[in-house]
N, C-alpha and C. Protein backbone atom coordinates (compact mmCIF):
# COMPACT_ATOMS: atom_id res chain seq x y z
N UNK A 1 0.83 -1.17 0.00
CA UNK A 1 0.00 0.00 0.00
C UNK A 1 0.88 1.25 0.00
N UNK A 2 0.52 2.24 -0.76
CA UNK A 2 1.31 3.45 -0.88
C UNK A 2 0.74 4.55 0.01
N UNK A 3 1.65 5.33 0.56
CA UNK A 3 1.27 6.47 1.38
C UNK A 3 1.24 7.71 0.49
N UNK A 4 0.22 8.53 0.66
CA UNK A 4 0.06 9.69 -0.21
C UNK A 4 1.20 10.68 -0.01
N UNK A 5 1.47 11.08 1.23
CA UNK A 5 2.52 12.06 1.50
C UNK A 5 3.22 11.71 2.79
N UNK A 6 4.54 11.68 2.73
CA UNK A 6 5.36 11.52 3.92
C UNK A 6 6.36 12.67 3.93
N UNK A 7 6.42 13.39 5.05
CA UNK A 7 7.37 14.49 5.12
C UNK A 7 8.00 14.54 6.50
N UNK A 8 9.15 15.19 6.55
CA UNK A 8 9.88 15.34 7.78
C UNK A 8 10.67 16.64 7.68
N UNK A 9 10.85 17.34 8.81
CA UNK A 9 11.59 18.60 8.80
C UNK A 9 12.84 18.48 9.66
N UNK A 10 13.84 19.25 9.28
CA UNK A 10 15.10 19.32 10.02
C UNK A 10 15.29 20.77 10.44
N UNK A 11 15.52 20.98 11.73
CA UNK A 11 15.78 22.33 12.21
C UNK A 11 17.22 22.73 11.92
N UNK A 12 17.40 23.97 11.51
CA UNK A 12 18.73 24.48 11.20
C UNK A 12 19.11 25.48 12.28
N UNK A 13 20.24 25.28 12.97
CA UNK A 13 20.61 26.20 14.04
C UNK A 13 20.95 27.59 13.51
N UNK A 14 21.01 28.56 14.43
CA UNK A 14 21.24 29.95 14.04
C UNK A 14 22.63 30.15 13.43
N UNK A 15 23.63 29.38 13.90
CA UNK A 15 24.99 29.59 13.41
C UNK A 15 25.26 28.86 12.09
N UNK A 16 24.28 28.12 11.57
CA UNK A 16 24.45 27.41 10.31
C UNK A 16 23.58 28.06 9.25
N UNK A 17 24.08 28.02 8.02
CA UNK A 17 23.34 28.57 6.89
C UNK A 17 23.23 27.46 5.86
N UNK A 18 22.03 27.27 5.33
CA UNK A 18 21.82 26.19 4.37
C UNK A 18 21.21 26.76 3.10
N UNK A 19 21.73 26.30 2.00
CA UNK A 19 21.13 26.58 0.70
C UNK A 19 20.98 25.26 -0.02
N UNK A 20 20.04 25.20 -0.90
CA UNK A 20 19.81 23.93 -1.58
C UNK A 20 20.86 23.66 -2.66
N UNK A 21 21.60 24.68 -3.06
CA UNK A 21 22.69 24.49 -4.00
C UNK A 21 23.87 25.34 -3.54
N UNK A 22 25.06 24.79 -3.69
CA UNK A 22 26.28 25.55 -3.42
C UNK A 22 26.58 25.75 -1.96
N UNK A 23 26.86 24.68 -1.21
CA UNK A 23 27.25 24.82 0.18
C UNK A 23 28.58 24.10 0.41
N UNK A 24 29.13 24.27 1.59
CA UNK A 24 30.45 23.74 1.88
C UNK A 24 30.47 22.21 1.78
N UNK A 25 29.54 21.57 2.45
CA UNK A 25 29.39 20.13 2.29
C UNK A 25 28.21 19.92 1.37
N UNK A 26 28.41 19.20 0.31
CA UNK A 26 27.29 19.02 -0.59
C UNK A 26 27.07 17.55 -0.88
N UNK A 27 25.82 17.27 -1.15
CA UNK A 27 25.40 15.91 -1.43
C UNK A 27 24.39 15.98 -2.54
N UNK A 28 24.44 15.02 -3.44
CA UNK A 28 23.57 15.02 -4.61
C UNK A 28 22.44 14.03 -4.38
N UNK A 29 21.20 14.51 -4.44
CA UNK A 29 20.03 13.67 -4.27
C UNK A 29 19.21 13.58 -5.55
N UNK A 30 19.83 13.72 -6.69
CA UNK A 30 19.10 13.66 -7.95
C UNK A 30 18.52 12.28 -8.23
N UNK A 31 19.12 11.24 -7.69
CA UNK A 31 18.64 9.89 -7.94
C UNK A 31 17.43 9.51 -7.08
N UNK A 32 17.07 10.36 -6.12
CA UNK A 32 15.94 10.10 -5.23
C UNK A 32 14.82 11.06 -5.58
N UNK A 33 13.62 10.54 -5.70
CA UNK A 33 12.47 11.36 -6.07
C UNK A 33 11.83 11.96 -4.81
N UNK A 34 12.40 13.06 -4.32
CA UNK A 34 11.86 13.76 -3.16
C UNK A 34 11.83 15.26 -3.47
N UNK A 35 11.00 15.99 -2.70
CA UNK A 35 10.94 17.44 -2.81
C UNK A 35 11.64 18.03 -1.60
N UNK A 36 12.61 18.93 -1.83
CA UNK A 36 13.31 19.63 -0.77
C UNK A 36 12.88 21.08 -0.79
N UNK A 37 12.55 21.64 0.38
CA UNK A 37 12.15 23.04 0.44
C UNK A 37 12.57 23.63 1.77
N UNK A 38 12.90 24.93 1.75
CA UNK A 38 13.24 25.67 2.96
C UNK A 38 12.00 26.38 3.47
N UNK A 39 11.73 26.28 4.78
CA UNK A 39 10.52 26.84 5.38
C UNK A 39 10.87 27.99 6.31
N UNK A 40 9.91 28.84 6.56
CA UNK A 40 10.04 29.93 7.52
C UNK A 40 10.54 31.21 6.87
N UNK A 41 10.38 32.30 7.60
CA UNK A 41 10.82 33.60 7.07
C UNK A 41 12.33 33.67 6.96
N UNK A 42 13.01 33.09 7.93
CA UNK A 42 14.47 33.09 7.89
C UNK A 42 15.04 31.82 7.27
N UNK A 43 14.15 30.97 6.79
CA UNK A 43 14.53 29.70 6.13
C UNK A 43 15.44 28.87 7.04
N UNK A 44 14.94 28.61 8.24
CA UNK A 44 15.71 27.85 9.22
C UNK A 44 15.17 26.44 9.43
N UNK A 45 14.36 25.95 8.49
CA UNK A 45 13.90 24.56 8.53
C UNK A 45 13.93 24.00 7.12
N UNK A 46 14.40 22.77 7.02
CA UNK A 46 14.43 22.06 5.75
C UNK A 46 13.35 21.00 5.78
N UNK A 47 12.47 21.00 4.78
CA UNK A 47 11.40 20.00 4.72
C UNK A 47 11.66 19.07 3.54
N UNK A 48 11.53 17.77 3.82
CA UNK A 48 11.71 16.73 2.81
C UNK A 48 10.36 16.04 2.62
N UNK A 49 9.84 16.05 1.38
CA UNK A 49 8.54 15.44 1.07
C UNK A 49 8.74 14.28 0.11
N UNK A 50 7.97 13.21 0.33
CA UNK A 50 7.94 12.07 -0.59
C UNK A 50 6.47 11.76 -0.87
N UNK A 51 6.08 11.83 -2.13
CA UNK A 51 4.71 11.59 -2.54
C UNK A 51 4.58 10.18 -3.08
N UNK A 52 3.49 9.50 -2.71
CA UNK A 52 3.13 8.19 -3.23
C UNK A 52 4.28 7.19 -3.17
N UNK A 53 4.72 6.90 -1.94
CA UNK A 53 5.83 5.97 -1.78
C UNK A 53 5.44 4.76 -0.95
N UNK A 54 6.12 3.65 -1.19
CA UNK A 54 5.94 2.47 -0.36
C UNK A 54 6.96 2.51 0.78
N UNK A 55 7.11 1.42 1.51
CA UNK A 55 7.94 1.41 2.72
C UNK A 55 9.39 1.80 2.50
N UNK A 56 10.04 1.18 1.52
CA UNK A 56 11.44 1.48 1.28
C UNK A 56 11.63 2.89 0.74
N UNK A 57 10.70 3.34 -0.07
CA UNK A 57 10.81 4.70 -0.62
C UNK A 57 10.58 5.75 0.46
N UNK A 58 9.72 5.45 1.43
CA UNK A 58 9.48 6.39 2.52
C UNK A 58 10.67 6.48 3.47
N UNK A 59 11.48 5.44 3.51
CA UNK A 59 12.66 5.45 4.37
C UNK A 59 13.68 6.47 3.88
N UNK A 60 13.65 6.82 2.59
CA UNK A 60 14.60 7.81 2.07
C UNK A 60 14.37 9.19 2.68
N UNK A 61 13.16 9.47 3.12
CA UNK A 61 12.88 10.76 3.77
C UNK A 61 13.70 10.88 5.05
N UNK A 62 13.68 9.84 5.86
CA UNK A 62 14.43 9.85 7.12
C UNK A 62 15.93 9.84 6.86
N UNK A 63 16.36 9.14 5.82
CA UNK A 63 17.79 9.07 5.49
C UNK A 63 18.30 10.44 5.08
N UNK A 64 17.54 11.14 4.24
CA UNK A 64 17.98 12.46 3.80
C UNK A 64 18.01 13.44 4.97
N UNK A 65 17.05 13.35 5.87
CA UNK A 65 17.06 14.21 7.06
C UNK A 65 18.26 13.90 7.95
N UNK A 66 18.60 12.62 8.09
CA UNK A 66 19.78 12.25 8.88
C UNK A 66 21.06 12.77 8.24
N UNK A 67 21.14 12.68 6.91
CA UNK A 67 22.31 13.23 6.21
C UNK A 67 22.41 14.73 6.44
N UNK A 68 21.28 15.42 6.40
CA UNK A 68 21.27 16.86 6.64
C UNK A 68 21.73 17.21 8.03
N UNK A 69 21.26 16.47 9.03
CA UNK A 69 21.69 16.72 10.41
C UNK A 69 23.17 16.45 10.58
N UNK A 70 23.68 15.37 9.94
CA UNK A 70 25.11 15.06 10.03
C UNK A 70 25.95 16.15 9.36
N UNK A 71 25.46 16.69 8.24
CA UNK A 71 26.22 17.74 7.56
C UNK A 71 26.22 19.02 8.37
N UNK A 72 25.12 19.36 9.01
CA UNK A 72 25.07 20.56 9.87
C UNK A 72 26.00 20.37 11.06
N UNK A 73 25.98 19.19 11.65
CA UNK A 73 26.85 18.90 12.78
C UNK A 73 28.32 18.92 12.35
N UNK A 74 28.60 18.42 11.15
CA UNK A 74 29.98 18.38 10.67
C UNK A 74 30.54 19.76 10.41
N UNK A 75 29.71 20.68 9.93
CA UNK A 75 30.20 22.03 9.69
C UNK A 75 30.45 22.75 11.01
N UNK A 76 29.58 22.52 12.00
CA UNK A 76 29.73 23.19 13.29
C UNK A 76 30.85 22.57 14.12
N UNK A 77 30.94 21.25 14.13
CA UNK A 77 31.93 20.54 14.93
C UNK A 77 32.70 19.59 14.03
N UNK A 78 33.99 19.71 14.01
CA UNK A 78 34.81 18.80 13.20
C UNK A 78 34.81 17.43 13.87
N UNK A 79 34.86 16.39 13.06
CA UNK A 79 34.85 15.02 13.55
C UNK A 79 36.29 14.50 13.63
N UNK A 80 36.56 13.69 14.63
CA UNK A 80 37.88 13.08 14.70
C UNK A 80 37.77 11.63 15.15
N UNK A 81 38.71 10.83 14.68
CA UNK A 81 38.85 9.43 15.08
C UNK A 81 40.27 9.25 15.58
N UNK A 82 40.41 8.62 16.73
CA UNK A 82 41.73 8.30 17.26
C UNK A 82 41.98 6.82 17.03
N UNK A 83 43.15 6.50 16.49
CA UNK A 83 43.50 5.12 16.17
C UNK A 83 44.78 4.75 16.91
N UNK A 84 44.80 3.55 17.47
CA UNK A 84 45.97 3.07 18.21
C UNK A 84 46.66 1.96 17.45
N UNK A 85 47.99 2.01 17.45
CA UNK A 85 48.80 0.94 16.85
C UNK A 85 49.03 -0.12 17.91
N UNK A 86 48.62 -1.34 17.61
CA UNK A 86 48.78 -2.46 18.53
C UNK A 86 49.75 -3.44 17.90
N UNK A 87 50.83 -3.75 18.63
CA UNK A 87 51.80 -4.69 18.09
C UNK A 87 52.37 -5.53 19.22
N UNK A 88 52.53 -6.81 18.94
CA UNK A 88 53.12 -7.72 19.91
C UNK A 88 54.44 -8.28 19.38
N UNK A 89 54.56 -8.40 18.07
CA UNK A 89 55.73 -9.05 17.49
C UNK A 89 56.72 -8.04 16.91
N UNK A 90 56.26 -7.21 16.03
CA UNK A 90 57.12 -6.21 15.38
C UNK A 90 56.48 -4.84 15.56
N UNK A 91 57.30 -3.86 15.88
CA UNK A 91 56.75 -2.51 16.06
C UNK A 91 56.33 -1.95 14.70
N UNK A 92 55.20 -1.27 14.68
CA UNK A 92 54.65 -0.70 13.45
C UNK A 92 55.14 0.74 13.36
N UNK A 93 55.78 1.08 12.24
CA UNK A 93 56.24 2.44 12.01
C UNK A 93 55.23 3.15 11.12
N UNK A 94 54.71 4.27 11.60
CA UNK A 94 53.74 5.06 10.85
C UNK A 94 54.37 6.41 10.53
N UNK A 95 54.38 6.76 9.24
CA UNK A 95 54.94 8.02 8.79
C UNK A 95 53.85 8.80 8.07
N UNK A 96 53.68 10.06 8.47
CA UNK A 96 52.68 10.93 7.86
C UNK A 96 53.40 11.82 6.85
N UNK A 97 52.89 11.86 5.61
CA UNK A 97 53.50 12.67 4.57
C UNK A 97 52.45 13.53 3.89
N UNK A 98 52.92 14.47 3.08
CA UNK A 98 52.07 15.36 2.29
C UNK A 98 51.05 16.10 3.16
N UNK A 99 51.52 16.69 4.23
CA UNK A 99 50.69 17.49 5.15
C UNK A 99 49.51 16.69 5.71
N UNK A 100 49.72 15.44 6.01
CA UNK A 100 48.69 14.64 6.64
C UNK A 100 47.73 13.96 5.69
N UNK A 101 47.98 14.02 4.39
CA UNK A 101 47.05 13.37 3.45
C UNK A 101 47.53 11.99 3.01
N UNK A 102 48.72 11.59 3.38
CA UNK A 102 49.25 10.28 3.02
C UNK A 102 49.85 9.62 4.25
N UNK A 103 49.47 8.39 4.51
CA UNK A 103 49.97 7.63 5.65
C UNK A 103 50.76 6.45 5.11
N UNK A 104 52.00 6.29 5.60
CA UNK A 104 52.83 5.14 5.23
C UNK A 104 52.98 4.25 6.44
N UNK A 105 52.72 2.96 6.23
CA UNK A 105 52.85 1.98 7.31
C UNK A 105 54.00 1.07 6.94
N UNK A 106 55.01 1.00 7.81
CA UNK A 106 56.19 0.19 7.57
C UNK A 106 56.35 -0.84 8.68
N UNK A 107 56.99 -1.93 8.34
CA UNK A 107 57.37 -2.99 9.28
C UNK A 107 56.15 -3.63 9.96
N UNK A 108 55.01 -3.71 9.27
CA UNK A 108 53.85 -4.39 9.83
C UNK A 108 54.09 -5.89 9.73
N UNK A 109 54.13 -6.56 10.86
CA UNK A 109 54.43 -8.00 10.98
C UNK A 109 55.79 -8.34 10.37
N UNK A 110 56.72 -7.38 10.37
CA UNK A 110 58.06 -7.63 9.84
C UNK A 110 58.15 -7.64 8.33
N UNK A 111 57.08 -7.24 7.64
CA UNK A 111 57.09 -7.25 6.18
C UNK A 111 57.91 -6.08 5.66
N UNK A 112 58.54 -6.28 4.52
CA UNK A 112 59.31 -5.21 3.88
C UNK A 112 58.43 -4.30 3.05
N UNK A 113 57.18 -4.71 2.81
CA UNK A 113 56.26 -3.95 1.98
C UNK A 113 55.84 -2.68 2.71
N UNK A 114 55.86 -1.55 2.00
CA UNK A 114 55.43 -0.27 2.54
C UNK A 114 54.00 -0.01 2.06
N UNK A 115 53.09 0.08 2.98
CA UNK A 115 51.68 0.30 2.64
C UNK A 115 51.40 1.79 2.68
N UNK A 116 50.93 2.35 1.56
CA UNK A 116 50.61 3.77 1.47
C UNK A 116 49.10 3.94 1.37
N UNK A 117 48.55 4.73 2.27
CA UNK A 117 47.11 4.97 2.29
C UNK A 117 46.87 6.45 2.07
N UNK A 118 46.12 6.78 1.02
CA UNK A 118 45.76 8.16 0.72
C UNK A 118 44.47 8.48 1.48
N UNK A 119 44.50 9.53 2.28
CA UNK A 119 43.31 9.95 3.01
C UNK A 119 42.30 10.56 2.04
N UNK A 120 41.02 10.47 2.38
CA UNK A 120 39.99 11.08 1.56
C UNK A 120 40.14 12.60 1.60
N UNK A 121 39.56 13.27 0.61
CA UNK A 121 39.70 14.73 0.54
C UNK A 121 39.03 15.38 1.74
N UNK A 122 39.73 16.31 2.35
CA UNK A 122 39.19 17.00 3.52
C UNK A 122 39.54 16.34 4.84
N UNK A 123 40.29 15.24 4.82
CA UNK A 123 40.67 14.53 6.04
C UNK A 123 42.17 14.69 6.24
N UNK A 124 42.56 15.12 7.43
CA UNK A 124 43.97 15.29 7.77
C UNK A 124 44.35 14.31 8.87
N UNK A 125 45.51 13.72 8.73
CA UNK A 125 45.99 12.74 9.71
C UNK A 125 47.21 13.33 10.41
N UNK A 126 47.33 13.09 11.70
CA UNK A 126 48.48 13.55 12.46
C UNK A 126 48.80 12.51 13.54
N UNK A 127 50.02 12.59 14.05
CA UNK A 127 50.45 11.70 15.12
C UNK A 127 50.24 12.43 16.43
N UNK A 128 49.65 11.75 17.40
CA UNK A 128 49.35 12.36 18.69
C UNK A 128 50.64 12.63 19.46
N UNK A 129 50.70 13.80 20.07
CA UNK A 129 51.85 14.15 20.90
C UNK A 129 51.68 13.65 22.33
N UNK A 130 50.43 13.45 22.76
CA UNK A 130 50.16 13.05 24.13
C UNK A 130 50.28 11.54 24.34
N UNK A 131 49.96 10.75 23.32
CA UNK A 131 49.91 9.30 23.46
C UNK A 131 50.84 8.67 22.43
N UNK A 132 51.58 7.66 22.86
CA UNK A 132 52.48 6.96 21.95
C UNK A 132 51.67 6.04 21.03
N UNK A 133 52.10 5.90 19.79
CA UNK A 133 51.48 5.02 18.80
C UNK A 133 50.00 5.33 18.58
N UNK A 134 49.67 6.62 18.46
CA UNK A 134 48.29 7.00 18.23
C UNK A 134 48.21 7.95 17.04
N UNK A 135 47.25 7.68 16.15
CA UNK A 135 46.97 8.54 15.00
C UNK A 135 45.67 9.28 15.26
N UNK A 136 45.59 10.52 14.78
CA UNK A 136 44.37 11.31 14.90
C UNK A 136 43.94 11.72 13.50
N UNK A 137 42.74 11.33 13.10
CA UNK A 137 42.17 11.70 11.81
C UNK A 137 41.09 12.73 12.07
N UNK A 138 41.18 13.90 11.39
CA UNK A 138 40.23 14.98 11.60
C UNK A 138 39.68 15.46 10.26
N UNK A 139 38.42 15.87 10.29
CA UNK A 139 37.79 16.42 9.10
C UNK A 139 36.39 16.88 9.41
N UNK A 140 35.79 17.59 8.45
CA UNK A 140 34.44 18.13 8.66
C UNK A 140 33.34 17.18 8.20
N UNK A 141 33.65 16.20 7.38
CA UNK A 141 32.65 15.24 6.91
C UNK A 141 32.88 13.92 7.64
N UNK A 142 31.92 13.52 8.47
CA UNK A 142 32.09 12.33 9.30
C UNK A 142 32.22 11.06 8.45
N UNK A 143 31.57 11.03 7.30
CA UNK A 143 31.66 9.84 6.44
C UNK A 143 33.05 9.69 5.85
N UNK A 144 33.68 10.79 5.45
CA UNK A 144 35.02 10.72 4.90
C UNK A 144 36.05 10.37 5.96
N UNK A 145 35.87 10.88 7.18
CA UNK A 145 36.78 10.55 8.27
C UNK A 145 36.66 9.07 8.61
N UNK A 146 35.43 8.55 8.69
CA UNK A 146 35.22 7.13 8.99
C UNK A 146 35.77 6.25 7.88
N UNK A 147 35.60 6.68 6.64
CA UNK A 147 36.11 5.90 5.51
C UNK A 147 37.62 5.86 5.51
N UNK A 148 38.29 6.96 5.83
CA UNK A 148 39.75 6.99 5.91
C UNK A 148 40.25 6.09 7.03
N UNK A 149 39.55 6.11 8.17
CA UNK A 149 39.93 5.23 9.29
C UNK A 149 39.78 3.76 8.89
N UNK A 150 38.73 3.46 8.12
CA UNK A 150 38.53 2.08 7.67
C UNK A 150 39.63 1.65 6.71
N UNK A 151 40.09 2.56 5.86
CA UNK A 151 41.18 2.23 4.94
C UNK A 151 42.47 1.90 5.69
N UNK A 152 42.76 2.66 6.75
CA UNK A 152 43.96 2.40 7.54
C UNK A 152 43.82 1.06 8.26
N UNK A 153 42.65 0.80 8.82
CA UNK A 153 42.44 -0.45 9.55
C UNK A 153 42.50 -1.65 8.63
N UNK A 154 41.92 -1.55 7.44
CA UNK A 154 41.94 -2.67 6.50
C UNK A 154 43.33 -2.93 5.94
N UNK A 155 44.16 -1.89 5.89
CA UNK A 155 45.53 -2.08 5.39
C UNK A 155 46.37 -2.89 6.37
N UNK A 156 45.99 -2.90 7.64
CA UNK A 156 46.75 -3.63 8.64
C UNK A 156 46.01 -4.86 9.12
N UNK A 157 45.29 -5.51 8.22
CA UNK A 157 44.59 -6.74 8.57
C UNK A 157 45.58 -7.91 8.48
N UNK A 158 45.59 -8.75 9.50
CA UNK A 158 46.48 -9.91 9.50
C UNK A 158 45.90 -10.98 8.60
N UNK A 159 46.72 -11.44 7.65
CA UNK A 159 46.27 -12.46 6.70
C UNK A 159 47.13 -13.71 6.84
N UNK A 160 46.50 -14.86 6.64
CA UNK A 160 47.17 -16.17 6.65
C UNK A 160 47.86 -16.49 7.97
N UNK A 161 47.36 -15.92 9.07
CA UNK A 161 47.89 -16.22 10.39
C UNK A 161 46.73 -16.33 11.37
N UNK A 162 46.98 -16.90 12.50
CA UNK A 162 45.97 -17.04 13.54
C UNK A 162 45.76 -15.68 14.21
N UNK A 163 44.58 -15.10 14.04
CA UNK A 163 44.35 -13.75 14.57
C UNK A 163 44.25 -13.73 16.09
N UNK A 164 44.10 -14.88 16.72
CA UNK A 164 44.12 -14.92 18.19
C UNK A 164 45.53 -14.67 18.69
N UNK A 165 46.53 -15.12 17.96
CA UNK A 165 47.92 -14.92 18.34
C UNK A 165 48.45 -13.60 17.80
N UNK A 166 48.14 -13.31 16.53
CA UNK A 166 48.62 -12.10 15.89
C UNK A 166 47.51 -11.04 15.95
N UNK A 167 47.46 -10.32 17.04
CA UNK A 167 46.45 -9.27 17.21
C UNK A 167 46.97 -7.91 16.78
N UNK A 168 48.01 -7.91 15.95
CA UNK A 168 48.62 -6.65 15.53
C UNK A 168 47.70 -5.90 14.58
N UNK A 169 47.84 -4.57 14.56
CA UNK A 169 47.07 -3.75 13.64
C UNK A 169 46.91 -2.34 14.16
N UNK A 170 46.22 -1.55 13.37
CA UNK A 170 45.87 -0.18 13.77
C UNK A 170 44.35 -0.12 13.82
N UNK A 171 43.82 0.12 15.01
CA UNK A 171 42.38 0.05 15.23
C UNK A 171 41.86 1.38 15.78
N UNK A 172 40.58 1.66 15.52
CA UNK A 172 39.94 2.86 16.04
C UNK A 172 39.71 2.67 17.53
N UNK A 173 40.20 3.62 18.32
CA UNK A 173 40.03 3.53 19.77
C UNK A 173 39.01 4.53 20.29
N UNK A 174 38.81 5.65 19.56
CA UNK A 174 37.88 6.66 20.05
C UNK A 174 37.34 7.47 18.89
N UNK A 175 36.04 7.79 18.97
CA UNK A 175 35.38 8.64 17.97
C UNK A 175 34.80 9.83 18.71
N UNK A 176 34.91 11.00 18.10
CA UNK A 176 34.36 12.17 18.76
C UNK A 176 34.34 13.38 17.86
N UNK A 177 34.12 14.53 18.47
CA UNK A 177 34.11 15.79 17.75
C UNK A 177 35.15 16.72 18.34
N UNK A 178 35.56 17.68 17.54
CA UNK A 178 36.53 18.67 17.97
C UNK A 178 35.80 19.99 18.14
N UNK A 179 35.88 20.57 19.31
CA UNK A 179 35.26 21.88 19.55
C UNK A 179 36.13 22.94 18.90
N UNK A 180 35.55 23.69 17.98
CA UNK A 180 36.28 24.76 17.29
C UNK A 180 36.14 26.04 18.09
N UNK A 181 37.26 26.73 18.31
CA UNK A 181 37.22 28.00 18.99
C UNK A 181 36.70 29.10 18.09
N UNK A 182 36.40 30.25 18.65
CA UNK A 182 35.91 31.38 17.83
C UNK A 182 37.04 31.85 16.93
N UNK A 183 36.80 31.81 15.64
CA UNK A 183 37.85 32.18 14.69
C UNK A 183 37.57 33.53 14.10
């Protein structure tokens, strides 16, 4: 059975500005048949409408609203992931190059192979000064930061060995946001 109209609104905070085209974080919804409109005199609410949809099609309304909330949160608060290097057999050497956009992993499980991971656009990687063997990935888009962390973690997956014995790798230890000071 199809629902005639399903809609949901997202509140936009005072310190954020949203336009339907041309913003800092942008996402393309051309493949989804929904109506997007800004409401109110100051246009501080985004309304997403879906006409004549079944269950799966109506779920896109909630998904688009969640993406909007994540993008507003990402612009206001930068996202960061902290990753820890865990090694029992061979120490893992991590080198950050190209201003934090390239990560080189050396001596993982004693291998001579140098693994190079390119961070997604807008994500910067740095080595923590407070904690030994810790990487910090920061960026304004939470999906790109999470994807870059997944690339680093997948590059250090133990293959052809017993993972109960070889627990080496670089794993996400903490996820959070960075409070930006008044600039």
